Protein backbone atom coordinates (compact mmCIF):
# COMPACT_ATOMS: atom_id res chain seq x y z
CA UNK A 1 40.03 24.99 0.72
CA UNK A 2 40.39 28.33 2.91
CA UNK A 3 38.23 30.43 0.20
CA UNK A 4 35.80 27.82 0.24
CA UNK A 5 35.34 27.75 3.86
CA UNK A 6 35.08 31.70 3.86
CA UNK A 7 32.45 31.32 1.26
CA UNK A 8 30.34 28.85 3.06
CA UNK A 9 30.49 31.24 6.44
CA UNK A 10 29.38 33.93 4.31
CA UNK A 11 26.53 32.12 2.87
CA UNK A 12 25.44 30.80 6.12
CA UNK A 13 25.47 34.22 7.88
CA UNK A 14 23.56 35.61 4.80
CA UNK A 15 20.85 32.67 4.98
CA UNK A 16 20.51 32.17 8.83
CA UNK A 17 18.71 35.33 9.87
CA UNK A 18 15.95 34.45 7.05
CA UNK A 19 15.40 31.10 8.54
CA UNK A 20 15.17 32.43 12.18
CA UNK A 21 12.65 35.22 10.82
CA UNK A 22 10.46 32.82 9.58
CA UNK A 23 10.96 30.18 12.50
CA UNK A 24 10.77 32.35 15.27
CA UNK A 25 9.18 35.95 14.93
CA UNK A 26 9.41 37.18 18.32
CA UNK A 27 6.58 38.61 20.64
CA UNK A 28 7.95 41.96 20.55
CA UNK A 29 8.12 41.95 16.76
CA UNK A 30 4.53 41.13 16.50
CA UNK A 31 3.55 43.69 18.95
CA UNK A 32 5.51 46.41 17.28
CA UNK A 33 3.62 45.28 13.86
CA UNK A 34 0.30 45.68 15.58
CA UNK A 35 1.31 49.32 16.53
CA UNK A 36 2.56 50.02 13.24
CA UNK A 37 -0.72 48.52 11.94
CA UNK A 38 -2.93 50.71 14.09
CA UNK A 39 -0.82 53.84 13.49
CA UNK A 40 -1.13 53.45 9.82
CA UNK A 41 -5.02 53.12 10.14
CA UNK A 42 -5.41 55.97 12.48
CA UNK A 43 -2.71 58.54 11.66
CA UNK A 44 -4.20 61.36 9.41
CA UNK A 45 -7.72 59.84 9.77
CA UNK A 46 -8.95 60.76 13.11
CA UNK A 47 -11.56 62.85 11.62
CA UNK A 48 -13.11 59.75 9.73
CA UNK A 49 -13.34 57.54 12.54
CA UNK A 50 -16.26 56.76 14.86
CA UNK A 51 -16.16 58.33 18.13
CA UNK A 52 -15.63 54.65 19.74
CA UNK A 53 -12.52 54.40 17.40
CA UNK A 54 -11.33 57.56 18.41
CA UNK A 55 -11.53 56.98 22.11
CA UNK A 56 -9.80 53.43 22.10
CA UNK A 57 -7.06 54.87 19.53
CA UNK A 58 -6.52 57.52 22.06
CA UNK A 59 -6.52 55.11 25.01
CA UNK A 60 -3.57 52.97 23.15
CA UNK A 61 -1.52 54.82 21.02
CA UNK A 62 -2.31 58.55 22.04
CA UNK A 63 -3.91 59.72 18.95
CA UNK A 64 -7.39 61.51 18.08
CA UNK A 65 -7.16 63.45 21.51
CA UNK A 66 -8.35 66.71 19.85
CA UNK A 67 -11.04 64.90 17.99
CA UNK A 68 -12.41 63.02 21.21
CA UNK A 69 -12.68 66.43 23.11
CA UNK A 70 -14.42 68.11 20.14
CA UNK A 71 -17.06 65.41 20.26
CA UNK A 72 -18.04 66.16 23.95
CA UNK A 73 -20.66 68.60 25.56
CA UNK A 74 -18.13 71.32 27.16
CA UNK A 75 -15.94 68.59 27.96
CA UNK A 76 -18.28 66.95 30.55
CA UNK A 77 -19.92 64.27 28.86
CA UNK A 78 -20.12 62.18 25.40
CA UNK A 79 -21.43 62.28 22.82
CA UNK A 80 -22.41 65.81 22.62
CA UNK A 81 -25.70 65.12 21.07
CA UNK A 82 -26.71 62.36 23.52
CA UNK A 83 -24.69 62.15 26.80
CA UNK A 84 -24.34 58.55 28.17
CA UNK A 85 -22.66 56.90 31.03
CA UNK A 86 -20.69 54.41 29.04
CA UNK A 87 -19.20 56.61 26.14
CA UNK A 88 -18.34 59.46 28.88
CA UNK A 89 -16.47 56.80 31.21
CA UNK A 90 -14.61 55.46 28.41
CA UNK A 91 -13.34 59.24 27.17
CA UNK A 92 -12.58 59.80 30.94
CA UNK A 93 -10.22 56.72 30.78
CA UNK A 94 -8.72 57.66 27.43
CA UNK A 95 -8.39 61.49 28.16
CA UNK A 96 -6.74 61.04 31.73
CA UNK A 97 -4.10 58.44 30.15
CA UNK A 98 -3.22 61.08 27.78
CA UNK A 99 -2.63 63.50 30.55
CA UNK A 100 -5.71 65.50 30.47
CA UNK A 101 -7.90 67.18 33.22
CA UNK A 102 -11.16 65.18 33.56
CA UNK A 103 -12.91 66.88 36.62
CA UNK A 104 -16.14 68.21 34.97
CA UNK A 105 -16.76 64.89 33.13
CA UNK A 106 -16.25 62.96 36.49
CA UNK A 107 -18.62 65.34 38.18
CA UNK A 108 -21.22 64.79 35.33
CA UNK A 109 -20.71 60.87 35.85
CA UNK A 110 -21.08 61.26 39.52
CA UNK A 111 -24.10 63.06 39.08
CA UNK A 112 -25.91 60.33 37.16
CA UNK A 113 -26.58 58.11 40.11
CA UNK A 114 -29.89 56.31 41.10
CA UNK A 115 -30.84 54.04 43.87
CA UNK A 116 -31.49 50.65 42.40
CA UNK A 117 -34.99 49.58 42.95
CA UNK A 118 -34.61 45.72 42.72
CA UNK A 119 -32.20 45.30 45.69
CA UNK A 120 -33.34 44.20 49.02
CA UNK A 121 -31.41 45.17 52.11
CA UNK A 122 -31.11 43.94 55.78
CA UNK A 123 -29.92 44.88 59.13
CA UNK A 124 -27.87 42.28 61.19
CA UNK A 125 -27.01 42.88 64.79
CA UNK A 126 -24.93 40.35 66.40
CA UNK A 127 -23.67 39.75 70.16
CA UNK A 128 -22.00 36.89 71.69
CA UNK A 129 -24.71 36.82 74.19
CA UNK A 130 -28.36 37.96 74.52
CA UNK A 131 -28.57 41.91 74.63
CA UNK A 132 -31.14 44.70 74.57
CA UNK A 133 -30.65 47.22 71.74
CA UNK A 134 -32.21 50.55 70.89
CA UNK A 135 -32.45 51.47 67.06
CA UNK A 136 -32.89 55.11 66.68
CA UNK A 137 -34.15 56.97 63.47
CA UNK A 138 -36.19 59.57 62.08
CA UNK A 139 -36.70 61.16 65.69
CA UNK A 140 -38.07 57.78 67.06
CA UNK A 141 -36.31 55.03 69.15
CA UNK A 142 -37.45 51.28 68.92
CA UNK A 143 -36.30 48.71 71.35
CA UNK A 144 -35.38 45.10 70.34
CA UNK A 145 -33.95 41.98 72.00
CA UNK A 146 -31.16 39.98 70.39
CA UNK A 147 -31.25 36.56 71.69
CA UNK A 148 -28.71 34.12 72.67
CA UNK A 149 -29.57 32.13 69.37
CA UNK A 150 -29.11 35.35 67.17
CA UNK A 151 -32.78 35.94 66.49
CA UNK A 152 -34.63 39.33 66.81
CA UNK A 153 -37.44 39.57 69.32
CA UNK A 154 -39.52 42.12 66.95
CA UNK A 155 -39.74 44.55 64.20
CA UNK A 156 -38.34 48.35 64.81
CA UNK A 157 -40.99 50.85 63.65
CA UNK A 158 -42.11 51.17 60.04
CA UNK A 159 -38.75 51.07 58.31
CA UNK A 160 -37.37 47.68 59.96
CA UNK A 161 -39.44 44.28 59.88
CA UNK A 162 -38.29 40.85 60.90
CA UNK A 163 -37.10 38.84 57.98
CA UNK A 164 -35.01 35.57 57.34
CA UNK A 165 -36.66 33.50 60.31
CA UNK A 166 -36.10 36.65 62.53
CA UNK A 167 -32.55 36.77 62.22
CA UNK A 168 -32.45 40.13 60.41
CA UNK A 169 -34.48 43.22 60.21
CA UNK A 170 -35.49 43.93 56.46
CA UNK A 171 -35.21 47.79 55.48
CA UNK A 172 -38.22 49.10 53.90
CA UNK A 173 -37.60 50.44 50.35
CA UNK A 174 -38.99 53.96 51.62
CA UNK A 175 -36.12 54.22 54.17
CA UNK A 176 -32.90 53.18 52.14
CA UNK A 177 -31.86 56.79 52.62
CA UNK A 178 -32.52 56.69 56.44
CA UNK A 179 -29.69 56.64 58.83
CA UNK A 180 -30.00 54.28 61.56
CA UNK A 181 -28.25 54.35 65.15
CA UNK A 182 -27.88 51.31 67.13
CA UNK A 183 -26.86 51.01 70.78
CA UNK A 184 -26.81 47.75 72.90
CA UNK A 185 -26.04 46.83 76.56
CA UNK A 186 -23.51 44.25 75.62
CA UNK A 187 -20.69 44.61 73.02
CA UNK A 188 -21.98 43.95 69.40
CA UNK A 189 -21.53 44.41 65.92
CA UNK A 190 -23.82 45.72 63.04
CA UNK A 191 -23.63 45.03 59.21
CA UNK A 192 -25.83 45.33 56.19
CA UNK A 193 -26.63 42.49 53.80
CA UNK A 194 -28.18 42.83 50.47
CA UNK A 195 -29.52 40.63 47.68
CA UNK A 196 -31.40 40.86 44.34
CA UNK A 197 -35.14 40.74 44.91
CA UNK A 198 -35.76 37.50 42.94
CA UNK A 199 -32.43 35.80 44.30
CA UNK A 200 -31.70 33.57 47.12
CA UNK A 201 -28.05 34.50 47.25
CA UNK A 202 -27.19 36.86 50.06
CA UNK A 203 -24.18 39.34 49.97
CA UNK A 204 -22.64 40.72 52.97
CA UNK A 205 -21.49 44.37 53.00
CA UNK A 206 -17.74 44.82 53.73
CA UNK A 207 -18.63 47.62 56.33
CA UNK A 208 -18.76 45.95 59.54
CA UNK A 209 -18.97 48.16 62.70
CA UNK A 210 -18.13 47.05 66.23
CA UNK A 211 -18.95 48.69 69.36
CA UNK A 212 -18.56 47.79 73.22
CA UNK A 213 -21.57 47.91 75.48
CA UNK A 214 -23.57 50.86 75.48
CA UNK A 215 -21.81 52.36 72.89
CA UNK A 216 -23.18 52.96 69.25
CA UNK A 217 -22.90 52.40 65.63
CA UNK A 218 -24.39 54.08 62.66
CA UNK A 219 -25.97 52.14 59.91
CA UNK A 220 -27.10 53.56 56.30
CA UNK A 221 -27.73 51.84 53.20
CA UNK A 222 -25.31 53.83 50.41
CA UNK A 223 -26.16 51.94 47.04
CA UNK A 224 -26.50 53.36 43.64
CA UNK A 225 -26.10 52.57 40.07
CA UNK A 226 -25.41 55.00 37.29
CA UNK A 227 -28.24 55.63 35.03
CA UNK A 228 -28.81 56.90 31.59
CA UNK A 229 -32.22 59.05 32.24
CA UNK A 230 -34.26 57.06 34.64
CA UNK A 231 -32.91 53.53 33.84
CA UNK A 232 -29.95 52.01 35.42
CA UNK A 233 -27.25 50.92 32.78
CA UNK A 234 -25.38 47.78 34.02
CA UNK A 235 -22.67 48.04 31.27
CA UNK A 236 -22.58 51.94 31.88
CA UNK A 237 -22.03 51.30 35.39
CA UNK A 238 -19.18 48.91 35.07
CA UNK A 239 -17.14 51.32 32.82
CA UNK A 240 -18.15 54.19 34.94
CA UNK A 241 -16.92 52.47 38.12
CA UNK A 242 -13.70 51.60 36.42
CA UNK A 243 -13.05 55.04 35.22
CA UNK A 244 -13.69 56.76 38.59
CA UNK A 245 -11.56 54.12 40.48
CA UNK A 246 -8.72 55.05 38.09
CA UNK A 247 -9.17 58.64 39.14
CA UNK A 248 -9.25 57.59 42.88
CA UNK A 249 -13.18 58.35 43.35
CA UNK A 250 -15.04 56.38 45.82
CA UNK A 251 -17.00 54.04 44.14
CA UNK A 252 -18.05 51.78 47.02
CA UNK A 253 -21.60 52.61 46.84
CA UNK A 254 -21.98 51.49 43.40
CA UNK A 255 -20.58 47.90 43.93
CA UNK A 256 -23.79 46.26 45.45
CA UNK A 257 -25.62 46.93 42.25
CA UNK A 258 -22.77 45.68 40.30
CA UNK A 259 -22.37 42.67 42.23
CA UNK A 260 -25.94 41.38 42.39
CA UNK A 261 -26.90 42.12 38.80
CA UNK A 262 -23.72 40.06 37.66
CA UNK A 263 -25.78 36.77 36.72
CA UNK A 264 -28.19 38.91 34.63
CA UNK A 265 -25.49 40.63 32.50
CA UNK A 266 -22.63 37.81 31.91
CA UNK A 267 -22.53 39.15 28.13
CA UNK A 268 -20.40 42.16 29.55
CA UNK A 269 -17.89 39.89 31.41
CA UNK A 270 -18.48 41.72 34.46
CA UNK A 271 -15.88 39.69 36.58
CA UNK A 272 -13.16 41.59 35.07
CA UNK A 273 -14.25 44.92 35.86
CA UNK A 274 -15.36 43.75 39.59
CA UNK A 275 -11.93 42.31 39.94
CA UNK A 276 -10.40 45.61 39.06
CA UNK A 277 -12.51 47.61 41.22
CA UNK A 278 -12.53 45.59 44.43
CA UNK A 279 -9.74 43.01 44.32
CA UNK A 280 -12.09 40.00 45.40
CA UNK A 281 -10.36 36.69 44.41
CA UNK A 282 -13.83 35.03 43.63
CA UNK A 283 -14.18 37.37 40.61
CA UNK A 284 -10.64 36.66 39.47
CA UNK A 285 -11.24 33.02 39.74
CA UNK A 286 -14.30 32.95 37.94
CA UNK A 287 -12.96 35.18 35.27
CA UNK A 288 -10.14 32.64 34.47
CA UNK A 289 -12.60 29.62 34.63
CA UNK A 290 -14.62 31.41 31.83
CA UNK A 291 -11.83 31.04 29.30
CA UNK A 292 -12.87 28.94 26.21
CA UNK A 293 -9.69 27.42 25.04
CA UNK A 294 -7.19 30.29 24.79
CA UNK A 295 -9.69 33.21 24.78
CA UNK A 296 -12.98 34.53 26.34
CA UNK A 297 -16.26 35.13 24.32
CA UNK A 298 -19.23 36.26 26.24
CA UNK A 299 -20.58 38.87 23.82
CA UNK A 300 -19.90 37.36 20.60
CA UNK A 301 -16.64 39.29 19.87
CA UNK A 302 -13.90 37.05 21.22
CA UNK A 303 -10.93 39.72 20.71
CA UNK A 304 -12.68 42.47 22.40
CA UNK A 305 -13.70 40.14 25.42
CA UNK A 306 -10.35 38.55 25.38
CA UNK A 307 -8.89 42.17 25.62
CA UNK A 308 -11.31 43.10 28.43
CA UNK A 309 -10.42 39.83 30.34
CA UNK A 310 -6.61 40.51 30.05
CA UNK A 311 -7.15 44.11 31.20
CA UNK A 312 -7.82 42.50 34.69
CA UNK A 313 -4.68 40.52 34.48
CA UNK A 314 -2.55 43.28 33.34
CA UNK A 315 0.00 43.03 36.33
CA UNK A 316 -0.28 39.25 37.17
CA UNK A 317 0.94 36.10 35.73
CA UNK A 318 -1.25 33.14 34.85
CA UNK A 319 -1.30 30.22 32.49
CA UNK A 320 -4.68 31.34 31.01
CA UNK A 321 -3.05 34.81 30.14
CA UNK A 322 -0.02 33.14 28.60
CA UNK A 323 -2.47 31.07 26.41
CA UNK A 324 -4.33 34.03 25.32
CA UNK A 325 -1.38 36.06 24.44
CA UNK A 326 -0.09 33.19 22.34
CA UNK A 327 -3.48 33.08 20.47
CA UNK A 328 -3.52 36.64 19.95
CA UNK A 329 -0.11 36.78 18.57
CA UNK A 330 -1.13 33.71 16.20
CA UNK A 331 -4.38 35.58 14.92
CA UNK A 332 -2.99 38.61 13.66
CA UNK A 333 -3.70 39.33 9.97
CA UNK A 334 -1.00 40.01 7.63
CA UNK A 335 -0.78 43.59 8.47
CA UNK A 336 -0.64 43.09 12.05
CA UNK A 337 -3.82 44.32 13.31
CA UNK A 338 -6.75 41.72 14.59
CA UNK A 339 -9.26 41.57 11.49
CA UNK A 340 -8.39 45.13 10.55
CA UNK A 341 -10.46 46.45 13.43
CA UNK A 342 -9.44 49.41 14.94
CA UNK A 343 -11.27 49.39 18.08
CA UNK A 344 -10.24 45.77 18.97
CA UNK A 345 -6.61 46.21 17.92
CA UNK A 346 -6.37 49.42 20.13
CA UNK A 347 -8.11 47.62 23.02
CA UNK A 348 -5.81 44.59 22.75
CA UNK A 349 -2.84 46.84 22.65
CA UNK A 350 -3.55 48.82 25.73
CA UNK A 351 -4.74 45.59 27.62
CA UNK A 352 -1.96 43.17 26.84
CA UNK A 353 1.16 45.26 25.62
CA UNK A 354 0.11 49.02 26.78
CA UNK A 355 2.53 51.67 26.29
CA UNK A 356 2.29 55.11 28.21
CA UNK A 357 0.60 57.58 25.96
CA UNK A 358 0.53 60.62 28.42
CA UNK A 359 3.49 63.20 28.30
CA UNK A 360 6.08 62.71 30.91
CA UNK A 361 7.01 66.04 32.41
CA UNK A 362 9.31 67.08 35.35
CA UNK A 363 6.56 65.70 37.91
CA UNK A 364 5.85 62.79 35.91
CA UNK A 365 8.37 59.91 35.94
CA UNK A 366 8.40 56.31 35.00
CA UNK A 367 7.04 54.43 38.17
CA UNK A 368 9.12 51.21 37.92
CA UNK A 369 12.18 53.12 36.88
CA UNK A 370 12.18 54.92 40.16
CA UNK A 371 12.06 51.66 42.02
CA UNK A 372 8.14 51.64 42.41
CA UNK A 373 5.53 49.19 41.56
CA UNK A 374 2.81 49.34 38.93
CA UNK A 375 -0.33 47.54 39.81
CA UNK A 376 -4.12 47.73 40.11
CA UNK A 377 -5.20 50.22 42.78
CA UNK A 378 -6.98 47.35 44.78
CA UNK A 379 -3.71 45.63 45.46
CA UNK A 380 -1.78 48.66 46.81
CA UNK A 381 -1.34 48.44 50.35
CA UNK A 382 0.71 51.58 50.56
CA UNK A 383 0.38 55.14 49.05
CA UNK A 384 -0.65 55.47 45.60
CA UNK A 385 2.10 57.89 43.77
CA UNK A 386 0.24 60.18 41.43
CA UNK A 387 3.02 61.88 39.97
CA UNK A 388 4.71 58.29 38.74
CA UNK A 389 3.50 57.23 35.34
CA UNK A 390 2.16 53.49 34.66
CA UNK A 391 1.02 52.11 31.28
CA UNK A 392 -2.49 50.66 31.07
CA UNK A 393 -5.03 50.52 33.73
CA UNK A 394 -2.43 50.33 36.72
CA UNK A 395 -1.48 52.74 39.33
CA UNK A 396 2.04 53.28 40.81
CA UNK A 397 2.38 52.09 44.44
CA UNK A 398 5.18 52.73 46.92
CA UNK A 399 4.69 49.33 48.39
CA UNK A 400 5.54 45.81 46.62
CA UNK A 401 2.53 43.74 46.06
CA UNK A 402 2.30 41.08 48.62
CA UNK A 403 0.85 37.60 47.55
CA UNK A 404 -0.43 35.30 49.91
CA UNK A 405 0.90 31.53 50.19
CA UNK A 406 -0.90 28.81 48.30
CA UNK A 407 -2.27 27.57 51.57
CA UNK A 408 -3.73 30.83 52.55
CA UNK A 409 -5.61 30.94 49.30
CA UNK A 410 -6.92 27.31 50.25
CA UNK A 411 -4.97 26.02 47.24
CA UNK A 412 -2.83 23.07 46.40
CA UNK A 413 0.29 23.20 44.60
CA UNK A 414 0.46 20.96 41.65
CA UNK A 415 3.52 19.11 40.45
CA UNK A 416 5.19 19.56 37.04
CA UNK A 417 3.26 16.56 35.29
CA UNK A 418 -0.33 17.70 36.99
CA UNK A 419 -2.69 20.22 36.05
CA UNK A 420 -5.52 22.04 37.85
CA UNK A 421 -8.84 20.52 36.94
CA UNK A 422 -11.84 22.38 37.61
CA UNK A 423 -10.34 25.37 39.34
CA UNK A 424 -7.78 28.03 38.35
CA UNK A 425 -4.26 28.34 38.30
CA UNK A 426 -3.33 31.24 40.41
CA UNK A 427 -0.05 32.75 41.50
CA UNK A 428 0.91 32.64 45.12
CA UNK A 429 3.69 33.60 47.22
CA UNK A 430 5.52 30.36 47.22
CA UNK A 431 4.48 29.23 43.68
CA UNK A 432 3.23 30.37 40.51
CA UNK A 433 0.80 27.24 39.86
CA UNK A 434 -1.28 27.06 42.72
CA UNK A 435 -4.64 25.34 42.21
CA UNK A 436 -7.47 27.40 43.58
CA UNK A 437 -10.93 25.69 43.69
CA UNK A 438 -9.82 22.50 42.03
CA UNK A 439 -7.74 19.44 42.27
CA UNK A 440 -4.09 18.59 41.01
CA UNK A 441 -4.60 15.56 38.21
CA UNK A 442 -2.54 14.21 35.53
CA UNK A 443 -3.24 16.19 32.31
CA UNK A 444 -5.73 14.72 29.80
CA UNK A 445 -4.71 14.71 26.47
CA UNK A 446 -6.44 17.14 23.97
CA UNK A 447 -6.71 16.34 20.14
CA UNK A 448 -7.72 19.97 19.34
CA UNK A 449 -5.05 21.23 16.96
CA UNK A 450 -6.68 24.24 15.29
CA UNK A 451 -5.40 27.08 17.54
CA UNK A 452 -1.60 25.82 17.50
CA UNK A 453 -1.82 25.69 13.42
CA UNK A 454 -3.03 29.34 13.49
CA UNK A 455 -6.65 28.89 13.44
CA UNK A 456 -9.59 30.11 15.54
CA UNK A 457 -12.46 28.13 16.84
CA UNK A 458 -15.72 29.70 16.45
CA UNK A 459 -19.03 28.72 18.34
CA UNK A 460 -21.26 30.80 15.95
CA UNK A 461 -20.84 28.35 13.07
CA UNK A 462 -19.62 30.87 10.74
CA UNK A 463 -15.95 32.21 9.98
CA UNK A 464 -15.06 35.92 10.38
CA UNK A 465 -14.15 37.89 7.21
CA UNK A 466 -10.56 36.71 5.93
CA UNK A 467 -11.00 33.32 7.40
CA UNK A 468 -12.51 30.03 5.88
CA UNK A 469 -13.71 26.86 7.50
CA UNK A 470 -11.07 24.06 7.68
CA UNK A 471 -11.79 20.39 7.94
CA UNK A 472 -8.28 19.28 8.78
CA UNK A 473 -8.09 20.89 12.25
CA UNK A 474 -10.40 19.99 15.25
CA UNK A 475 -11.49 22.43 18.17
CA UNK A 476 -11.67 21.56 22.13
CA UNK A 477 -15.74 21.75 21.67
CA UNK A 478 -17.28 19.54 19.15
CA UNK A 479 -19.83 22.50 18.19
CA UNK A 480 -17.11 24.81 17.09
CA UNK A 481 -15.58 25.11 13.83
CA UNK A 482 -11.97 25.86 13.04
CA UNK A 483 -11.38 28.92 10.88
CA UNK A 484 -7.89 29.48 9.29
CA UNK A 485 -6.63 32.54 7.39
CA UNK A 486 -7.42 32.48 3.77
CA UNK A 487 -4.22 34.06 2.71
CA UNK A 488 -2.00 31.57 4.68
CA UNK A 489 -1.29 28.03 3.81
CA UNK A 490 -0.80 25.63 6.84
CA UNK A 491 2.88 24.76 7.03
CA UNK A 492 4.14 26.96 4.27
CA UNK A 493 6.47 28.48 6.81
CA UNK A 494 8.10 24.85 7.52
CA UNK A 495 8.45 24.33 3.49
CA UNK A 496 10.23 27.64 3.13
CA UNK A 497 12.50 26.98 6.18
CA UNK A 498 13.35 23.18 4.50
CA UNK A 499 13.73 24.91 1.14
CA UNK A 500 16.54 27.38 2.79
CA UNK A 501 18.03 24.43 4.68
CA UNK A 502 18.63 22.17 1.65
CA UNK A 503 20.03 25.15 -0.15
CA UNK A 504 22.54 25.52 2.57
CA UNK A 505 23.19 21.81 2.45
CA UNK A 506 23.98 21.94 -1.32
CA UNK A 507 26.17 24.95 -1.26
CA UNK A 508 28.18 22.91 1.54
CA UNK A 509 28.37 19.80 -0.58
CA UNK A 510 29.49 22.03 -3.50
CA UNK A 511 32.27 23.47 -1.63
CA UNK A 512 33.66 20.26 -0.25
CA UNK A 513 33.40 18.47 -3.92
CA UNK A 514 34.28 21.35 -5.69
CA UNK A 515 37.14 19.77 -7.67
CA UNK A 516 35.41 16.56 -8.48
CA UNK A 517 32.21 18.55 -9.63
CA UNK A 518 34.51 20.97 -11.72
CA UNK A 519 35.71 18.03 -13.76
CA UNK A 520 32.50 16.50 -14.06
CA UNK A 521 30.97 19.41 -15.60
CA UNK A 522 34.16 19.65 -18.04
CA UNK A 523 33.64 15.99 -18.88
CA UNK A 524 29.62 16.92 -19.68
CA UNK A 525 30.13 19.99 -21.75
CA UNK A 526 33.23 18.54 -23.54
CA UNK A 527 31.58 15.30 -24.33
CA UNK A 528 34.42 13.29 -23.71
CA UNK A 529 35.14 10.50 -21.05
CA UNK A 530 38.68 9.47 -20.78
CA UNK A 531 39.72 11.23 -23.88
CA UNK A 532 36.93 9.33 -26.16
CA UNK A 533 33.40 9.44 -26.82
CA UNK A 534 31.14 6.37 -27.86
CA UNK A 535 28.34 7.51 -30.26
CA UNK A 536 25.28 5.71 -29.70
CA UNK A 537 24.08 3.33 -32.50
CA UNK A 538 20.72 3.41 -34.26
CA UNK A 539 20.01 0.10 -32.52
CA UNK A 540 20.10 1.82 -29.26
CA UNK A 541 17.15 3.86 -29.74
CA UNK A 542 18.39 7.11 -28.33
CA UNK A 543 18.84 10.31 -30.02
CA UNK A 544 22.42 11.69 -30.06
CA UNK A 545 23.47 13.39 -26.77
CA UNK A 546 24.71 16.67 -28.60
CA UNK A 547 23.26 17.97 -31.78
CA UNK A 548 25.15 16.78 -34.93
CA UNK A 549 26.61 20.47 -35.63
CA UNK A 550 28.56 20.35 -32.32
CA UNK A 551 31.15 17.83 -33.74
CA UNK A 552 30.80 15.97 -36.96
CA UNK A 553 31.37 12.18 -36.89
CA UNK A 554 34.91 11.13 -38.14
CA UNK A 555 34.91 8.86 -40.94
CA UNK A 556 37.01 5.98 -40.33
CA UNK A 557 39.78 5.22 -43.13
CA UNK A 558 40.25 1.79 -44.20
CA UNK A 559 43.78 1.17 -45.32
CA UNK A 560 45.12 -1.17 -47.82
CA UNK A 561 46.82 -4.41 -46.06
CA UNK A 562 50.46 -3.31 -47.34
CA UNK A 563 50.16 -0.23 -45.51
CA UNK A 564 48.65 -1.55 -42.37
CA UNK A 565 51.85 -2.67 -40.93
CA UNK A 566 53.62 0.75 -41.69
CA UNK A 567 51.15 2.71 -39.14
CA UNK A 568 53.26 4.57 -36.67
CA UNK A 569 52.34 4.87 -33.24
CA UNK A 570 51.37 8.59 -32.54
CA UNK A 571 54.18 10.82 -30.76
CA UNK A 572 53.02 11.81 -27.37
CA UNK A 573 52.42 15.71 -27.04
CA UNK A 574 54.79 17.60 -24.97
CA UNK A 575 53.08 19.38 -22.21
CA UNK A 576 56.16 21.34 -21.24
CA UNK A 577 59.79 21.45 -19.73
CA UNK A 578 59.47 18.67 -17.19
CA UNK A 579 57.87 16.40 -20.08
CA UNK A 580 60.92 17.50 -22.26
CA UNK A 581 63.55 16.51 -19.56
CA UNK A 582 61.87 12.99 -18.89
CA UNK A 583 62.02 11.94 -22.63
CA UNK A 584 65.54 13.31 -22.88
CA UNK A 585 66.72 10.89 -19.97
CA UNK A 586 64.51 7.93 -21.68
CA UNK A 587 66.36 8.62 -24.81
CA UNK A 588 69.97 8.31 -23.14
CA UNK A 589 69.15 5.30 -21.42
CA UNK A 590 68.12 3.57 -24.72
CA UNK A 591 71.30 4.43 -26.53
């Protein structure tokens, strides 16, 4: 019995890792599989990749650096034959992440600025009481009165005209580069406002200047976009602002253009970029609301868009982020990549599971190992530590991230059995589930089962390569179709698990009833049961259990009547010394 127990333990230890490997492949193992897949596609193949693939490979795994540099025009812009803003910005991000100096490229990028022509700018002067103000510019002075009801009495020269029911002064397009000096006889403040020409939405500049009576403030429009030639490039401006913000350049002049043109460029998922470079919570909340099920899809490529969205949430924790990570892990192909796409796989790894690809020298140490915090630069309220390394887009900050309470964010803390309806779950100082912009409600049951079963929901009506439409599963949106991998069979992992479990049970049963099973096996193979075998007769309609050659039938001998009474009972076979002693004693007792 002891041997049986040991054998069972051995088999259980042997089979258990197989069961666990199939049932619960960890996030780390899947992440490592993705890195291995990307490395196998890139290693030794950099020369054959597109420039975009090289840049994102360098960004995520530090490969193809020489090839990226060689594709530039004197290391100042990319591609060498036709430099553009977007590609140059992405190259700056990847080379900077690899520890390379990008000063020349940064200077080139900053030189590609242009004043947007479709923005209207306004000057606001406000005081708690009526005041007389003098506005000086271009060598001339103009006096206006700011009334008690906040309206302005008159225009101020050629550059400033009354607008918005006389509450503001509109700055002429010809005067956007003019500097205005404002002085009033009462305490006052000045600020700039802006809006898109054909929009009613007004944006307030974050630069607000205050002054006491008879003091002065200086106001100047400082608004640019990044342009390819004479044309503003919105997507290029997004990437350029992100790249320059990463290397600590002042990008505030570019945010008005990016903010006002957001509605016209939703396909680029601008909320992700704008939250990264401004830190405004509205951009973050709108980004989270845009999630479709477990992923983002604005451009038509859900893997790229999901990576872009998660880039902005790299150092934060949200339910939407967790759901997206689970969806990504469930959507890996058999090799570990995402649809075998080098760019998307690299971008996903960089955004969600980043590893530092820059060389760490004596002056470059791991930020968090040294007791500091990695975060987005807009969240750093202390000093940015340039000589400490963080993965991804994050910077090293000497001050921990300070979160607001849920009430400070005008949110509501949901109970464990509630969900945030119509809003966004946001991490707050006092909770990880602060509902902002919505209400806490009982969760509504969802019948969508496509993604939980390893599928993806497609709004385009067609499945990607390697996937096929499945009618067995449903999606959250009725217009979407469920696409499942062709190479996988739903539930195959569960079947394999049950097979392994049944095998283990059979082994255990066999060990417990080992002796009985051995006797049963002996009876079956020997053809005997209790010392005799009954041969089936012809009337039974069954063939013999064993071939005729295995044991010839014994011919029964009919004895004459005179001999039948003389038959002797067979003498029992002796089985050894014990049996001899018993027979001897019986003989003595009978004599």
